[in-house]
Amino acid sequence: MVIEMSFVQMVALISQFAASWKANLPHDHYIKLLATTVDTTLQLITTETLKIEDISAKHSTCLSNNFSLLLDQLNKIKAGDIPEESDAWIRFRSIIAIMDDSLTKIVENWEDGTLSQFFKSSEIQHLTRALFQNTDKNAALRRKITGEIL
């Protein structure tokens, strides 16, 4: 609930800023400022999420749901003004997918390049350690992310 309320407040602030910037700045300045603000917001949330040491299944679902709602709201703010998705958007969407995926699927996405083009192996290793129990099977799967021979 705290995360949800924080995101609601954050979206409200960004929306207010965007409206003010759109009304008072040249269009190209408005676009650059809005894109930078949204990207920086997503980068900070992604960075902090990647630092979490332990994420229970319940918290993973909660974070995933709240992150999805945040993206929906940010999409509404930038709709029509910022058409393409930046690396920050793609990384953030990937974090959501990782929280919803099995470890096997995450490793497959790493191996096919879906994740490796936007994340370091150490980031995915850390996040999967936070999300999944440390069993021999999971450790063997995680070694595939670093390229270690099983």
C-alpha atoms as a PDB file:
ATOM      1  CA  MET A   1       0.000   0.000   0.000  1.00  0.00           C
ATOM      2  CA  VAL A   2       2.862   2.394   0.803  1.00  0.00           C
ATOM      3  CA  ILE A   3       4.489   1.748  -2.565  1.00  0.00           C
ATOM      4  CA  GLU A   4       1.202   2.294  -4.353  1.00  0.00           C
ATOM      5  CA  MET A   5       0.605   5.613  -2.587  1.00  0.00           C
ATOM      6  CA  SER A   6       4.162   6.727  -3.323  1.00  0.00           C
ATOM      7  CA  PHE A   7       3.702   5.938  -7.001  1.00  0.00           C
ATOM      8  CA  VAL A   8       0.359   7.788  -7.074  1.00  0.00           C
ATOM      9  CA  GLN A   9       2.044  10.863  -5.603  1.00  0.00           C
ATOM     10  CA  MET A  10       4.986  10.569  -7.991  1.00  0.00           C
ATOM     11  CA  VAL A  11       2.723  10.287 -11.035  1.00  0.00           C
ATOM     12  CA  ALA A  12       0.670  13.262  -9.836  1.00  0.00           C
ATOM     13  CA  LEU A  13       3.820  15.383  -9.511  1.00  0.00           C
ATOM     14  CA  ILE A  14       5.169  14.359 -12.902  1.00  0.00           C
ATOM     15  CA  SER A  15       1.762  15.040 -14.434  1.00  0.00           C
ATOM     16  CA  GLN A  16       1.648  18.517 -12.867  1.00  0.00           C
ATOM     17  CA  PHE A  17       5.177  19.263 -14.031  1.00  0.00           C
ATOM     18  CA  ALA A  18       4.382  18.023 -17.528  1.00  0.00           C
ATOM     19  CA  ALA A  19       1.284  20.219 -17.784  1.00  0.00           C
ATOM     20  CA  SER A  20       3.227  23.268 -16.615  1.00  0.00           C
ATOM     21  CA  TRP A  21       6.177  22.559 -18.922  1.00  0.00           C
ATOM     22  CA  LYS A  22       3.911  21.946 -21.905  1.00  0.00           C
ATOM     23  CA  ALA A  23       2.153  25.285 -21.335  1.00  0.00           C
ATOM     24  CA  ASN A  24       5.297  27.330 -20.740  1.00  0.00           C
ATOM     25  CA  LEU A  25       8.230  25.805 -22.629  1.00  0.00           C
ATOM     26  CA  PRO A  26       9.034  25.430 -26.292  1.00  0.00           C
ATOM     27  CA  HIS A  27       7.836  22.007 -27.474  1.00  0.00           C
ATOM     28  CA  ASP A  28      11.315  20.526 -27.963  1.00  0.00           C
ATOM     29  CA  HIS A  29      12.359  21.592 -24.443  1.00  0.00           C
ATOM     30  CA  TYR A  30       9.149  20.156 -22.993  1.00  0.00           C
ATOM     31  CA  ILE A  31       9.723  16.811 -24.741  1.00  0.00           C
ATOM     32  CA  LYS A  32      13.341  16.596 -23.597  1.00  0.00           C
ATOM     33  CA  LEU A  33      12.485  17.519 -19.994  1.00  0.00           C
ATOM     34  CA  LEU A  34       9.554  15.086 -19.792  1.00  0.00           C
ATOM     35  CA  ALA A  35      11.566  12.232 -21.345  1.00  0.00           C
ATOM     36  CA  THR A  36      14.476  12.873 -18.992  1.00  0.00           C
ATOM     37  CA  THR A  37      12.205  13.029 -15.942  1.00  0.00           C
ATOM     38  CA  VAL A  38      10.386   9.796 -16.792  1.00  0.00           C
ATOM     39  CA  ASP A  39      13.605   7.967 -17.713  1.00  0.00           C
ATOM     40  CA  THR A  40      15.375   9.113 -14.550  1.00  0.00           C
ATOM     41  CA  THR A  41      12.424   8.020 -12.429  1.00  0.00           C
ATOM     42  CA  LEU A  42      12.432   4.543 -13.991  1.00  0.00           C
ATOM     43  CA  GLN A  43      16.223   4.274 -13.750  1.00  0.00           C
ATOM     44  CA  LEU A  44      16.161   5.090 -10.032  1.00  0.00           C
ATOM     45  CA  ILE A  45      13.417   2.570  -9.292  1.00  0.00           C
ATOM     46  CA  THR A  46      15.236  -0.076 -11.346  1.00  0.00           C
ATOM     47  CA  THR A  47      18.543   0.610  -9.589  1.00  0.00           C
ATOM     48  CA  GLU A  48      16.973   0.392  -6.143  1.00  0.00           C
ATOM     49  CA  THR A  49      15.041  -2.766  -7.050  1.00  0.00           C
ATOM     50  CA  LEU A  50      18.255  -4.433  -8.199  1.00  0.00           C
ATOM     51  CA  LYS A  51      19.763  -3.740  -4.748  1.00  0.00           C
ATOM     52  CA  ILE A  52      17.083  -5.604  -2.783  1.00  0.00           C
ATOM     53  CA  GLU A  53      18.545  -8.646  -1.030  1.00  0.00           C
ATOM     54  CA  ASP A  54      15.412 -10.753  -0.546  1.00  0.00           C
ATOM     55  CA  ILE A  55      12.054 -10.544  -2.314  1.00  0.00           C
ATOM     56  CA  SER A  56       9.339 -12.953  -1.203  1.00  0.00           C
ATOM     57  CA  ALA A  57       6.811 -14.283  -3.715  1.00  0.00           C
ATOM     58  CA  LYS A  58       4.158 -12.057  -2.126  1.00  0.00           C
ATOM     59  CA  HIS A  59       6.333  -8.942  -2.396  1.00  0.00           C
ATOM     60  CA  SER A  60       7.387  -9.848  -5.922  1.00  0.00           C
ATOM     61  CA  THR A  61       3.738  -9.943  -6.993  1.00  0.00           C
ATOM     62  CA  CYS A  62       3.046  -6.673  -5.192  1.00  0.00           C
ATOM     63  CA  LEU A  63       6.035  -4.946  -6.804  1.00  0.00           C
ATOM     64  CA  SER A  64       5.190  -6.324 -10.230  1.00  0.00           C
ATOM     65  CA  ASN A  65       1.584  -5.103  -9.973  1.00  0.00           C
ATOM     66  CA  ASN A  66       2.591  -1.667  -8.726  1.00  0.00           C
ATOM     67  CA  PHE A  67       5.337  -1.317 -11.339  1.00  0.00           C
ATOM     68  CA  SER A  68       2.829  -2.217 -14.068  1.00  0.00           C
ATOM     69  CA  LEU A  69       0.379   0.386 -12.779  1.00  0.00           C
ATOM     70  CA  LEU A  70       3.169   2.960 -12.685  1.00  0.00           C
ATOM     71  CA  LEU A  71       4.085   2.242 -16.308  1.00  0.00           C
ATOM     72  CA  ASP A  72       0.444   2.550 -17.362  1.00  0.00           C
ATOM     73  CA  GLN A  73       0.169   5.934 -15.666  1.00  0.00           C
ATOM     74  CA  LEU A  74       3.464   7.209 -17.089  1.00  0.00           C
ATOM     75  CA  ASN A  75       2.362   6.069 -20.551  1.00  0.00           C
ATOM     76  CA  LYS A  76      -0.747   8.219 -20.196  1.00  0.00           C
ATOM     77  CA  ILE A  77       1.360  11.258 -19.280  1.00  0.00           C
ATOM     78  CA  LYS A  78       3.751  10.861 -22.194  1.00  0.00           C
ATOM     79  CA  ALA A  79       1.180   9.574 -24.704  1.00  0.00           C
ATOM     80  CA  GLY A  80       1.727  11.123 -28.094  1.00  0.00           C
ATOM     81  CA  ASP A  81       4.625  13.254 -26.905  1.00  0.00           C
ATOM     82  CA  ILE A  82       7.352  10.632 -26.437  1.00  0.00           C
ATOM     83  CA  PRO A  83       6.622   7.755 -28.827  1.00  0.00           C
ATOM     84  CA  GLU A  84       9.658   5.485 -28.524  1.00  0.00           C
ATOM     85  CA  GLU A  85      10.698   3.493 -25.504  1.00  0.00           C
ATOM     86  CA  SER A  86      14.122   4.187 -24.072  1.00  0.00           C
ATOM     87  CA  ASP A  87      16.503   1.702 -22.485  1.00  0.00           C
ATOM     88  CA  ALA A  88      15.117   2.777 -19.096  1.00  0.00           C
ATOM     89  CA  TRP A  89      11.600   1.722 -20.167  1.00  0.00           C
ATOM     90  CA  ILE A  90      12.833  -1.588 -21.545  1.00  0.00           C
ATOM     91  CA  ARG A  91      14.862  -2.363 -18.390  1.00  0.00           C
ATOM     92  CA  PHE A  92      11.884  -1.484 -16.195  1.00  0.00           C
ATOM     93  CA  ARG A  93       9.515  -3.664 -18.251  1.00  0.00           C
ATOM     94  CA  SER A  94      12.078  -6.455 -18.017  1.00  0.00           C
ATOM     95  CA  ILE A  95      12.180  -6.151 -14.211  1.00  0.00           C
ATOM     96  CA  ILE A  96       8.407  -6.641 -14.190  1.00  0.00           C
ATOM     97  CA  ALA A  97       8.694  -9.694 -16.446  1.00  0.00           C
ATOM     98  CA  ILE A  98      11.501 -11.163 -14.322  1.00  0.00           C
ATOM     99  CA  MET A  99       9.352 -10.872 -11.205  1.00  0.00           C
ATOM    100  CA  ASP A 100       6.597 -12.811 -12.950  1.00  0.00           C
ATOM    101  CA  ASP A 101       8.807 -15.440 -14.665  1.00  0.00           C
ATOM    102  CA  SER A 102      10.299 -18.718 -13.517  1.00  0.00           C
ATOM    103  CA  LEU A 103      14.056 -18.949 -13.087  1.00  0.00           C
ATOM    104  CA  THR A 104      14.195 -21.251 -16.124  1.00  0.00           C
ATOM    105  CA  LYS A 105      12.461 -18.590 -18.261  1.00  0.00           C
ATOM    106  CA  ILE A 106      14.806 -15.877 -16.968  1.00  0.00           C
ATOM    107  CA  VAL A 107      17.837 -17.994 -17.922  1.00  0.00           C
ATOM    108  CA  GLU A 108      16.325 -18.629 -21.376  1.00  0.00           C
ATOM    109  CA  ASN A 109      15.792 -14.881 -21.818  1.00  0.00           C
ATOM    110  CA  TRP A 110      19.384 -14.285 -20.754  1.00  0.00           C
ATOM    111  CA  GLU A 111      20.726 -16.845 -23.199  1.00  0.00           C
ATOM    112  CA  ASP A 112      18.672 -15.557 -26.143  1.00  0.00           C
ATOM    113  CA  GLY A 113      19.833 -11.979 -25.524  1.00  0.00           C
ATOM    114  CA  THR A 114      16.499 -10.574 -24.370  1.00  0.00           C
ATOM    115  CA  LEU A 115      17.999  -9.637 -20.993  1.00  0.00           C
ATOM    116  CA  SER A 116      21.725  -9.598 -21.718  1.00  0.00           C
ATOM    117  CA  GLN A 117      21.459  -6.584 -23.996  1.00  0.00           C
ATOM    118  CA  PHE A 118      20.080  -4.430 -21.172  1.00  0.00           C
ATOM    119  CA  PHE A 119      21.496  -5.953 -17.972  1.00  0.00           C
ATOM    120  CA  LYS A 120      24.861  -7.048 -16.632  1.00  0.00           C
ATOM    121  CA  SER A 121      25.091 -10.679 -15.600  1.00  0.00           C
ATOM    122  CA  SER A 122      25.771  -9.543 -12.016  1.00  0.00           C
ATOM    123  CA  GLU A 123      22.458  -7.632 -11.956  1.00  0.00           C
ATOM    124  CA  ILE A 124      20.455 -10.646 -13.096  1.00  0.00           C
ATOM    125  CA  GLN A 125      22.391 -12.911 -10.735  1.00  0.00           C
ATOM    126  CA  HIS A 126      21.605 -10.643  -7.779  1.00  0.00           C
ATOM    127  CA  LEU A 127      17.926 -10.268  -8.691  1.00  0.00           C
ATOM    128  CA  THR A 128      17.427 -14.003  -9.175  1.00  0.00           C
ATOM    129  CA  ARG A 129      19.108 -14.652  -5.807  1.00  0.00           C
ATOM    130  CA  ALA A 130      16.669 -12.205  -4.230  1.00  0.00           C
ATOM    131  CA  LEU A 131      13.649 -13.805  -5.925  1.00  0.00           C
ATOM    132  CA  PHE A 132      14.396 -17.531  -5.761  1.00  0.00           C
ATOM    133  CA  GLN A 133      15.527 -19.915  -3.032  1.00  0.00           C
ATOM    134  CA  ASN A 134      19.167 -20.884  -3.094  1.00  0.00           C
ATOM    135  CA  THR A 135      18.897 -24.561  -4.046  1.00  0.00           C
ATOM    136  CA  ASP A 136      21.441 -26.618  -5.994  1.00  0.00           C
ATOM    137  CA  LYS A 137      19.119 -26.620  -9.010  1.00  0.00           C
ATOM    138  CA  ASN A 138      18.678 -22.838  -8.895  1.00  0.00           C
ATOM    139  CA  ALA A 139      22.412 -22.290  -8.403  1.00  0.00           C
ATOM    140  CA  ALA A 140      23.076 -24.448 -11.483  1.00  0.00           C
ATOM    141  CA  LEU A 141      20.599 -22.399 -13.508  1.00  0.00           C
ATOM    142  CA  ARG A 142      22.133 -19.118 -12.292  1.00  0.00           C
ATOM    143  CA  ARG A 143      25.584 -20.301 -13.383  1.00  0.00           C
ATOM    144  CA  LYS A 144      24.270 -20.288 -16.955  1.00  0.00           C
ATOM    145  CA  ILE A 145      23.864 -16.525 -16.661  1.00  0.00           C
ATOM    146  CA  THR A 146      27.564 -16.070 -15.949  1.00  0.00           C
ATOM    147  CA  GLY A 147      28.533 -18.682 -18.531  1.00  0.00           C
ATOM    148  CA  GLU A 148      30.074 -21.070 -16.019  1.00  0.00           C
ATOM    149  CA  ILE A 149      30.282 -24.675 -17.141  1.00  0.00           C
ATOM    150  CA  LEU A 150      27.991 -26.960 -15.184  1.00  0.00           C
END
